[in-house]
PDB file of N, CA and C in Angstrom:
ATOM      1  N   UNK A   1     -10.060  22.362  10.510  1.00  0.00           N
ATOM      2  CA  UNK A   1     -10.443  21.160   9.302  1.00  0.00           C
ATOM      3  C   UNK A   1     -11.850  20.916   9.287  1.00  0.00           C
ATOM      4  N   UNK A   2     -12.357  20.897   8.344  1.00  0.00           N
ATOM      5  CA  UNK A   2     -13.639  20.255   8.248  1.00  0.00           C
ATOM      6  C   UNK A   2     -13.683  18.695   7.950  1.00  0.00           C
ATOM      7  N   UNK A   3     -14.563  17.878   8.331  1.00  0.00           N
ATOM      8  CA  UNK A   3     -14.472  16.615   7.956  1.00  0.00           C
ATOM      9  C   UNK A   3     -14.511  16.349   6.532  1.00  0.00           C
ATOM     10  N   UNK A   4     -13.657  15.455   6.097  1.00  0.00           N
ATOM     11  CA  UNK A   4     -13.590  15.014   4.741  1.00  0.00           C
ATOM     12  C   UNK A   4     -14.982  14.131   4.172  1.00  0.00           C
ATOM     13  N   UNK A   5     -15.674  14.420   3.413  1.00  0.00           N
ATOM     14  CA  UNK A   5     -16.928  14.172   2.942  1.00  0.00           C
ATOM     15  C   UNK A   5     -17.189  12.837   2.305  1.00  0.00           C
ATOM     16  N   UNK A   6     -15.868  12.472   1.580  1.00  0.00           N
ATOM     17  CA  UNK A   6     -16.465  11.257   0.624  1.00  0.00           C
ATOM     18  C   UNK A   6     -15.998   9.903   1.493  1.00  0.00           C
ATOM     19  N   UNK A   7     -16.498   8.924   1.136  1.00  0.00           N
ATOM     20  CA  UNK A   7     -16.658   7.413   1.869  1.00  0.00           C
ATOM     21  C   UNK A   7     -15.528   6.745   1.165  1.00  0.00           C
ATOM     22  N   UNK A   8     -15.508   5.733   1.927  1.00  0.00           N
ATOM     23  CA  UNK A   8     -14.380   4.577   1.535  1.00  0.00           C
ATOM     24  C   UNK A   8     -14.668   4.006   0.172  1.00  0.00           C
ATOM     25  N   UNK A   9     -16.087   3.966  -0.274  1.00  0.00           N
ATOM     26  CA  UNK A   9     -16.408   3.393  -1.600  1.00  0.00           C
ATOM     27  C   UNK A   9     -15.858   4.355  -2.585  1.00  0.00           C
ATOM     28  N   UNK A  10     -15.962   5.468  -2.404  1.00  0.00           N
ATOM     29  CA  UNK A  10     -15.356   6.652  -3.568  1.00  0.00           C
ATOM     30  C   UNK A  10     -14.112   6.545  -3.473  1.00  0.00           C
ATOM     31  N   UNK A  11     -13.384   6.617  -2.231  1.00  0.00           N
ATOM     32  CA  UNK A  11     -12.140   6.888  -2.213  1.00  0.00           C
ATOM     33  C   UNK A  11     -11.278   5.462  -3.052  1.00  0.00           C
ATOM     34  N   UNK A  12     -11.688   4.359  -2.779  1.00  0.00           N
ATOM     35  CA  UNK A  12     -11.031   3.261  -3.283  1.00  0.00           C
ATOM     36  C   UNK A  12     -11.303   2.914  -4.815  1.00  0.00           C
ATOM     37  N   UNK A  13     -12.346   3.767  -5.433  1.00  0.00           N
ATOM     38  CA  UNK A  13     -12.759   3.385  -6.710  1.00  0.00           C
ATOM     39  C   UNK A  13     -11.978   4.482  -7.556  1.00  0.00           C
ATOM     40  N   UNK A  14     -10.791   4.201  -8.131  1.00  0.00           N
ATOM     41  CA  UNK A  14      -9.994   5.301  -8.835  1.00  0.00           C
ATOM     42  C   UNK A  14     -10.740   5.668  -9.995  1.00  0.00           C
ATOM     43  N   UNK A  15     -11.837   4.870 -10.391  1.00  0.00           N
ATOM     44  CA  UNK A  15     -12.716   5.336 -11.520  1.00  0.00           C
ATOM     45  C   UNK A  15     -13.797   6.109 -11.536  1.00  0.00           C
ATOM     46  N   UNK A  16     -14.185   6.449 -10.188  1.00  0.00           N
ATOM     47  CA  UNK A  16     -14.918   7.463  -9.597  1.00  0.00           C
ATOM     48  C   UNK A  16     -15.192   8.688 -10.280  1.00  0.00           C
ATOM     49  N   UNK A  17     -16.490   9.239 -10.315  1.00  0.00           N
ATOM     50  CA  UNK A  17     -16.385  10.656 -11.089  1.00  0.00           C
ATOM     51  C   UNK A  17     -15.828  11.699 -10.189  1.00  0.00           C
ATOM     52  N   UNK A  18     -15.563  11.387  -9.015  1.00  0.00           N
ATOM     53  CA  UNK A  18     -14.743  12.182  -8.175  1.00  0.00           C
ATOM     54  C   UNK A  18     -13.158  12.509  -8.575  1.00  0.00           C
ATOM     55  N   UNK A  19     -12.688  11.373  -8.806  1.00  0.00           N
ATOM     56  CA  UNK A  19     -11.234  11.504  -9.561  1.00  0.00           C
ATOM     57  C   UNK A  19     -11.363  11.920 -10.835  1.00  0.00           C
ATOM     58  N   UNK A  20     -12.397  11.499 -11.614  1.00  0.00           N
ATOM     59  CA  UNK A  20     -12.188  12.114 -13.056  1.00  0.00           C
ATOM     60  C   UNK A  20     -12.442  13.546 -13.137  1.00  0.00           C
ATOM     61  N   UNK A  21     -13.271  14.253 -12.220  1.00  0.00           N
ATOM     62  CA  UNK A  21     -13.428  15.451 -11.832  1.00  0.00           C
ATOM     63  C   UNK A  21     -12.032  16.100 -11.637  1.00  0.00           C
ATOM     64  N   UNK A  22     -11.131  15.493 -10.995  1.00  0.00           N
ATOM     65  CA  UNK A  22      -9.833  15.972 -10.715  1.00  0.00           C
ATOM     66  C   UNK A  22      -8.899  15.903 -12.029  1.00  0.00           C
ATOM     67  N   UNK A  23      -9.138  14.843 -12.689  1.00  0.00           N
ATOM     68  CA  UNK A  23      -8.267  14.635 -13.714  1.00  0.00           C
ATOM     69  C   UNK A  23      -8.823  15.681 -15.092  1.00  0.00           C
ATOM     70  N   UNK A  24      -9.950  15.770 -15.044  1.00  0.00           N
ATOM     71  CA  UNK A  24     -10.455  16.747 -16.128  1.00  0.00           C
ATOM     72  C   UNK A  24     -10.025  18.201 -15.515  1.00  0.00           C
ATOM     73  N   UNK A  25      -9.824  18.642 -14.544  1.00  0.00           N
ATOM     74  CA  UNK A  25      -9.233  19.630 -14.320  1.00  0.00           C
ATOM     75  C   UNK A  25      -7.768  19.993 -14.783  1.00  0.00           C
ATOM     76  N   UNK A  26      -7.069  18.783 -14.486  1.00  0.00           N
ATOM     77  CA  UNK A  26      -5.590  18.918 -14.905  1.00  0.00           C
ATOM     78  C   UNK A  26      -5.617  18.850 -16.258  1.00  0.00           C
ATOM     79  N   UNK A  27      -6.250  18.262 -17.122  1.00  0.00           N
ATOM     80  CA  UNK A  27      -6.449  18.226 -18.571  1.00  0.00           C
ATOM     81  C   UNK A  27      -6.477  19.557 -18.959  1.00  0.00           C
ATOM     82  N   UNK A  28      -7.584  20.408 -18.091  1.00  0.00           N
ATOM     83  CA  UNK A  28      -7.921  21.684 -18.702  1.00  0.00           C
ATOM     84  C   UNK A  28      -6.863  22.961 -18.376  1.00  0.00           C
ATOM     85  N   UNK A  29      -5.806  22.291 -17.730  1.00  0.00           N
ATOM     86  CA  UNK A  29      -4.466  23.110 -17.327  1.00  0.00           C
ATOM     87  C   UNK A  29      -4.807  24.067 -16.182  1.00  0.00           C
ATOM     88  N   UNK A  30      -5.612  23.536 -15.070  1.00  0.00           N
ATOM     89  CA  UNK A  30      -5.791  24.318 -13.806  1.00  0.00           C
ATOM     90  C   UNK A  30      -4.593  23.974 -13.071  1.00  0.00           C
ATOM     91  N   UNK A  31      -3.946  24.588 -12.133  1.00  0.00           N
ATOM     92  CA  UNK A  31      -2.754  24.484 -11.461  1.00  0.00           C
ATOM     93  C   UNK A  31      -3.081  23.591 -10.185  1.00  0.00           C
ATOM     94  N   UNK A  32      -2.295  22.960  -9.786  1.00  0.00           N
ATOM     95  CA  UNK A  32      -2.387  21.887  -8.701  1.00  0.00           C
ATOM     96  C   UNK A  32      -3.018  22.740  -7.384  1.00  0.00           C
ATOM     97  N   UNK A  33      -2.498  23.788  -7.123  1.00  0.00           N
ATOM     98  CA  UNK A  33      -2.905  24.671  -5.974  1.00  0.00           C
ATOM     99  C   UNK A  33      -4.443  24.809  -6.192  1.00  0.00           C
ATOM    100  N   UNK A  34      -5.013  25.488  -7.280  1.00  0.00           N
ATOM    101  CA  UNK A  34      -6.345  25.645  -7.540  1.00  0.00           C
ATOM    102  C   UNK A  34      -7.152  24.361  -7.662  1.00  0.00           C
ATOM    103  N   UNK A  35      -6.541  23.154  -8.076  1.00  0.00           N
ATOM    104  CA  UNK A  35      -7.608  22.122  -7.749  1.00  0.00           C
ATOM    105  C   UNK A  35      -7.697  21.482  -6.473  1.00  0.00           C
ATOM    106  N   UNK A  36      -6.513  21.702  -5.677  1.00  0.00           N
ATOM    107  CA  UNK A  36      -6.414  21.224  -4.057  1.00  0.00           C
ATOM    108  C   UNK A  36      -7.490  22.227  -3.475  1.00  0.00           C
ATOM    109  N   UNK A  37      -7.680  23.365  -3.661  1.00  0.00           N
ATOM    110  CA  UNK A  37      -8.375  24.371  -3.241  1.00  0.00           C
ATOM    111  C   UNK A  37     -10.040  23.843  -3.680  1.00  0.00           C
ATOM    112  N   UNK A  38     -10.175  23.263  -4.799  1.00  0.00           N
ATOM    113  CA  UNK A  38     -11.690  22.970  -5.287  1.00  0.00           C
ATOM    114  C   UNK A  38     -12.029  21.868  -4.414  1.00  0.00           C
ATOM    115  N   UNK A  39     -10.919  20.841  -3.971  1.00  0.00           N
ATOM    116  CA  UNK A  39     -11.192  19.654  -3.321  1.00  0.00           C
ATOM    117  C   UNK A  39     -11.606  19.926  -1.914  1.00  0.00           C
ATOM    118  N   UNK A  40     -10.860  20.973  -1.285  1.00  0.00           N
ATOM    119  CA  UNK A  40     -11.293  21.436   0.019  1.00  0.00           C
ATOM    120  C   UNK A  40     -12.612  21.966   0.042  1.00  0.00           C
ATOM    121  N   UNK A  41     -12.884  22.714  -1.024  1.00  0.00           N
ATOM    122  CA  UNK A  41     -14.187  23.440  -0.965  1.00  0.00           C
ATOM    123  C   UNK A  41     -15.394  22.357  -1.112  1.00  0.00           C
ATOM    124  N   UNK A  42     -15.252  21.308  -1.939  1.00  0.00           N
ATOM    125  CA  UNK A  42     -16.444  20.493  -2.096  1.00  0.00           C
ATOM    126  C   UNK A  42     -16.547  19.122  -1.407  1.00  0.00           C
ATOM    127  N   UNK A  43     -15.176  18.874  -0.752  1.00  0.00           N
ATOM    128  CA  UNK A  43     -15.127  17.509   0.125  1.00  0.00           C
ATOM    129  C   UNK A  43     -14.525  17.698   1.404  1.00  0.00           C
ATOM    130  N   UNK A  44     -14.441  19.066   1.849  1.00  0.00           N
ATOM    131  CA  UNK A  44     -13.811  19.020   3.036  1.00  0.00           C
ATOM    132  C   UNK A  44     -12.218  18.612   3.188  1.00  0.00           C
ATOM    133  N   UNK A  45     -12.077  18.462   4.491  1.00  0.00           N
ATOM    134  CA  UNK A  45     -10.717  17.902   4.921  1.00  0.00           C
ATOM    135  C   UNK A  45      -9.545  19.123   5.009  1.00  0.00           C
ATOM    136  N   UNK A  46      -8.273  18.725   4.951  1.00  0.00           N
ATOM    137  CA  UNK A  46      -7.333  19.745   5.197  1.00  0.00           C
ATOM    138  C   UNK A  46      -6.455  19.692   3.881  1.00  0.00           C
ATOM    139  N   UNK A  47      -5.701  20.169   3.753  1.00  0.00           N
ATOM    140  CA  UNK A  47      -4.671  20.461   2.528  1.00  0.00           C
ATOM    141  C   UNK A  47      -3.996  19.158   2.366  1.00  0.00           C
ATOM    142  N   UNK A  48      -3.544  18.300   3.467  1.00  0.00           N
ATOM    143  CA  UNK A  48      -2.693  17.339   3.043  1.00  0.00           C
ATOM    144  C   UNK A  48      -3.835  16.214   2.543  1.00  0.00           C
ATOM    145  N   UNK A  49      -4.984  16.157   3.022  1.00  0.00           N
ATOM    146  CA  UNK A  49      -6.012  15.247   2.611  1.00  0.00           C
ATOM    147  C   UNK A  49      -6.344  15.484   1.272  1.00  0.00           C
ATOM    148  N   UNK A  50      -6.283  16.755   0.848  1.00  0.00           N
ATOM    149  CA  UNK A  50      -6.804  17.119  -0.602  1.00  0.00           C
ATOM    150  C   UNK A  50      -5.451  16.867  -1.377  1.00  0.00           C
ATOM    151  N   UNK A  51      -4.403  17.014  -1.032  1.00  0.00           N
ATOM    152  CA  UNK A  51      -3.150  16.639  -1.781  1.00  0.00           C
ATOM    153  C   UNK A  51      -3.211  15.211  -1.959  1.00  0.00           C
ATOM    154  N   UNK A  52      -3.266  14.506  -1.070  1.00  0.00           N
ATOM    155  CA  UNK A  52      -3.533  13.071  -1.277  1.00  0.00           C
ATOM    156  C   UNK A  52      -4.407  12.561  -2.219  1.00  0.00           C
ATOM    157  N   UNK A  53      -5.536  13.141  -2.001  1.00  0.00           N
ATOM    158  CA  UNK A  53      -6.818  12.663  -3.119  1.00  0.00           C
ATOM    159  C   UNK A  53      -6.165  13.159  -4.381  1.00  0.00           C
ATOM    160  N   UNK A  54      -5.652  14.326  -4.609  1.00  0.00           N
ATOM    161  CA  UNK A  54      -5.012  14.947  -5.934  1.00  0.00           C
ATOM    162  C   UNK A  54      -4.195  13.865  -6.511  1.00  0.00           C
ATOM    163  N   UNK A  55      -3.323  13.470  -5.524  1.00  0.00           N
ATOM    164  CA  UNK A  55      -2.131  12.423  -6.070  1.00  0.00           C
ATOM    165  C   UNK A  55      -2.664  11.144  -6.514  1.00  0.00           C
ATOM    166  N   UNK A  56      -3.828  10.608  -5.821  1.00  0.00           N
ATOM    167  CA  UNK A  56      -4.564   9.492  -6.473  1.00  0.00           C
ATOM    168  C   UNK A  56      -5.036   9.788  -7.626  1.00  0.00           C
ATOM    169  N   UNK A  57      -5.631  10.770  -7.964  1.00  0.00           N
ATOM    170  CA  UNK A  57      -6.482  10.933  -9.308  1.00  0.00           C
ATOM    171  C   UNK A  57      -5.455  10.856 -10.507  1.00  0.00           C
ATOM    172  N   UNK A  58      -4.154  11.698 -10.122  1.00  0.00           N
ATOM    173  CA  UNK A  58      -3.104  11.747 -11.177  1.00  0.00           C
ATOM    174  C   UNK A  58      -2.266  10.435 -11.248  1.00  0.00           C
ATOM    175  N   UNK A  59      -2.432   9.593 -10.640  1.00  0.00           N
ATOM    176  CA  UNK A  59      -1.544   8.195 -10.445  1.00  0.00           C
ATOM    177  C   UNK A  59      -0.373   8.243  -9.740  1.00  0.00           C
ATOM    178  N   UNK A  60      -0.214   9.000  -8.942  1.00  0.00           N
ATOM    179  CA  UNK A  60       0.963   9.340  -7.777  1.00  0.00           C
ATOM    180  C   UNK A  60       0.984   8.652  -6.581  1.00  0.00           C
ATOM    181  N   UNK A  61      -0.419   8.075  -6.262  1.00  0.00           N
ATOM    182  CA  UNK A  61      -0.390   7.635  -4.917  1.00  0.00           C
ATOM    183  C   UNK A  61      -1.596   6.331  -5.069  1.00  0.00           C
ATOM    184  N   UNK A  62      -1.850   5.763  -4.247  1.00  0.00           N
ATOM    185  CA  UNK A  62      -2.895   4.936  -4.076  1.00  0.00           C
ATOM    186  C   UNK A  62      -3.730   5.249  -2.911  1.00  0.00           C
ATOM    187  N   UNK A  63      -5.291   4.832  -3.162  1.00  0.00           N
ATOM    188  CA  UNK A  63      -6.145   4.799  -2.102  1.00  0.00           C
ATOM    189  C   UNK A  63      -6.017   4.541  -0.578  1.00  0.00           C
ATOM    190  N   UNK A  64      -5.004   3.720  -0.736  1.00  0.00           N
ATOM    191  CA  UNK A  64      -4.735   2.903   0.833  1.00  0.00           C
ATOM    192  C   UNK A  64      -3.739   4.113   1.521  1.00  0.00           C
ATOM    193  N   UNK A  65      -3.167   4.848   0.718  1.00  0.00           N
ATOM    194  CA  UNK A  65      -2.225   5.828   1.614  1.00  0.00           C
ATOM    195  C   UNK A  65      -3.217   6.839   2.248  1.00  0.00           C
ATOM    196  N   UNK A  66      -4.304   7.321   1.489  1.00  0.00           N
ATOM    197  CA  UNK A  66      -5.239   8.269   1.821  1.00  0.00           C
ATOM    198  C   UNK A  66      -5.831   7.610   3.032  1.00  0.00           C
ATOM    199  N   UNK A  67      -6.574   6.373   2.943  1.00  0.00           N
ATOM    200  CA  UNK A  67      -7.233   5.735   3.995  1.00  0.00           C
ATOM    201  C   UNK A  67      -6.381   5.497   5.263  1.00  0.00           C
ATOM    202  N   UNK A  68      -5.159   5.240   4.935  1.00  0.00           N
ATOM    203  CA  UNK A  68      -4.301   5.187   6.249  1.00  0.00           C
ATOM    204  C   UNK A  68      -4.319   6.601   6.946  1.00  0.00           C
ATOM    205  N   UNK A  69      -4.045   7.657   6.100  1.00  0.00           N
ATOM    206  CA  UNK A  69      -4.164   8.957   6.607  1.00  0.00           C
ATOM    207  C   UNK A  69      -5.181   9.278   7.465  1.00  0.00           C
ATOM    208  N   UNK A  70      -6.382   9.012   6.829  1.00  0.00           N
ATOM    209  CA  UNK A  70      -7.671   9.232   7.454  1.00  0.00           C
ATOM    210  C   UNK A  70      -8.120   8.654   8.742  1.00  0.00           C
ATOM    211  N   UNK A  71      -7.589   7.470   8.750  1.00  0.00           N
ATOM    212  CA  UNK A  71      -7.816   6.620   9.774  1.00  0.00           C
ATOM    213  C   UNK A  71      -7.053   7.230  11.048  1.00  0.00           C
ATOM    214  N   UNK A  72      -6.059   8.218  10.920  1.00  0.00           N
ATOM    215  CA  UNK A  72      -5.458   8.691  11.955  1.00  0.00           C
ATOM    216  C   UNK A  72      -6.387  10.020  12.328  1.00  0.00           C
ATOM    217  N   UNK A  73      -7.045  10.432  11.738  1.00  0.00           N
ATOM    218  CA  UNK A  73      -7.961  11.656  11.700  1.00  0.00           C
ATOM    219  C   UNK A  73      -9.464  11.169  12.334  1.00  0.00           C
ATOM    220  N   UNK A  74     -10.023  12.003  12.575  1.00  0.00           N
ATOM    221  CA  UNK A  74     -11.593  11.854  12.709  1.00  0.00           C
ATOM    222  C   UNK A  74     -12.359  11.742  11.737  1.00  0.00           C
ATOM    223  N   UNK A  75     -12.276  10.429  11.100  1.00  0.00           N
ATOM    224  CA  UNK A  75     -13.121  10.471  10.048  1.00  0.00           C
ATOM    225  C   UNK A  75     -13.630   8.850  10.125  1.00  0.00           C
ATOM    226  N   UNK A  76     -14.696   8.548   9.600  1.00  0.00           N
ATOM    227  CA  UNK A  76     -15.315   7.260   9.481  1.00  0.00           C
ATOM    228  C   UNK A  76     -15.414   6.811   8.087  1.00  0.00           C
ATOM    229  N   UNK A  77     -15.092   5.468   7.894  1.00  0.00           N
ATOM    230  CA  UNK A  77     -14.983   5.053   6.489  1.00  0.00           C
ATOM    231  C   UNK A  77     -16.305   4.996   6.032  1.00  0.00           C
ATOM    232  N   UNK A  78     -17.416   5.137   6.739  1.00  0.00           N
ATOM    233  CA  UNK A  78     -18.936   5.303   6.366  1.00  0.00           C
ATOM    234  C   UNK A  78     -19.200   6.697   5.853  1.00  0.00           C
ATOM    235  N   UNK A  79     -18.259   7.600   6.217  1.00  0.00           N
ATOM    236  CA  UNK A  79     -18.529   9.014   5.855  1.00  0.00           C
ATOM    237  C   UNK A  79     -18.743   9.368   4.428  1.00  0.00           C
ATOM    238  N   UNK A  80     -20.041   9.833   3.925  1.00  0.00           N
ATOM    239  CA  UNK A  80     -20.528  10.228   2.749  1.00  0.00           C
ATOM    240  C   UNK A  80     -21.023   9.113   2.102  1.00  0.00           C
ATOM    241  N   UNK A  81     -21.379   7.753   2.720  1.00  0.00           N
ATOM    242  CA  UNK A  81     -21.714   6.617   1.902  1.00  0.00           C
ATOM    243  C   UNK A  81     -22.943   6.649   1.153  1.00  0.00           C
ATOM    244  N   UNK A  82     -23.832   7.640   2.001  1.00  0.00           N
ATOM    245  CA  UNK A  82     -25.099   7.946   1.267  1.00  0.00           C
ATOM    246  C   UNK A  82     -25.147   8.685   0.064  1.00  0.00           C
ATOM    247  N   UNK A  83     -23.955   9.561  -0.047  1.00  0.00           N
ATOM    248  CA  UNK A  83     -23.707  10.197  -1.393  1.00  0.00           C
ATOM    249  C   UNK A  83     -23.078   9.266  -2.311  1.00  0.00           C
ATOM    250  N   UNK A  84     -22.050   8.531  -1.687  1.00  0.00           N
ATOM    251  CA  UNK A  84     -21.691   7.590  -2.845  1.00  0.00           C
ATOM    252  C   UNK A  84     -22.976   6.541  -3.630  1.00  0.00           C
ATOM    253  N   UNK A  85     -23.594   5.949  -2.628  1.00  0.00           N
ATOM    254  CA  UNK A  85     -24.743   5.361  -3.311  1.00  0.00           C
ATOM    255  C   UNK A  85     -25.711   5.820  -4.265  1.00  0.00           C
ATOM    256  N   UNK A  86     -25.744   7.243  -4.169  1.00  0.00           N
ATOM    257  CA  UNK A  86     -26.537   7.811  -5.068  1.00  0.00           C
ATOM    258  C   UNK A  86     -26.042   7.871  -6.278  1.00  0.00           C
ATOM    259  N   UNK A  87     -24.545   7.764  -6.459  1.00  0.00           N
ATOM    260  CA  UNK A  87     -23.998   7.926  -7.973  1.00  0.00           C
ATOM    261  C   UNK A  87     -23.852   6.521  -8.390  1.00  0.00           C
ATOM    262  N   UNK A  88     -24.131   5.662  -7.623  1.00  0.00           N
ATOM    263  CA  UNK A  88     -24.122   4.224  -8.068  1.00  0.00           C
ATOM    264  C   UNK A  88     -25.138   3.442  -9.166  1.00  0.00           C
TER     265      UNK A  88
END
C-alpha cells in the first residue's frame, strides 16, 4: 500500500475539488471499480481507503469514517497539507 496523499483539510471538505472529481466521473458514467482505481493512482492508499473516499463523494459515508480508518493506518493528518493549501 502507498501512503494516502490527501490531508485532513481535503478529506473533511466535502465540497473539495477532489470529491467533485469523483462525482464528475460518476455523472459521466464511469464504473465504481474504474473510479476506485483512479483514486488509487492519484492519491495512493489501498482499495478500502479508495472505496471509503468514493463513498464520501457520493454521499454514502462521512469524512469521519475515513479519518477513523486512516488513524489506524500509517497516515498523518498533515499528509498532503502542502497540496491542500495550494488549492485554497
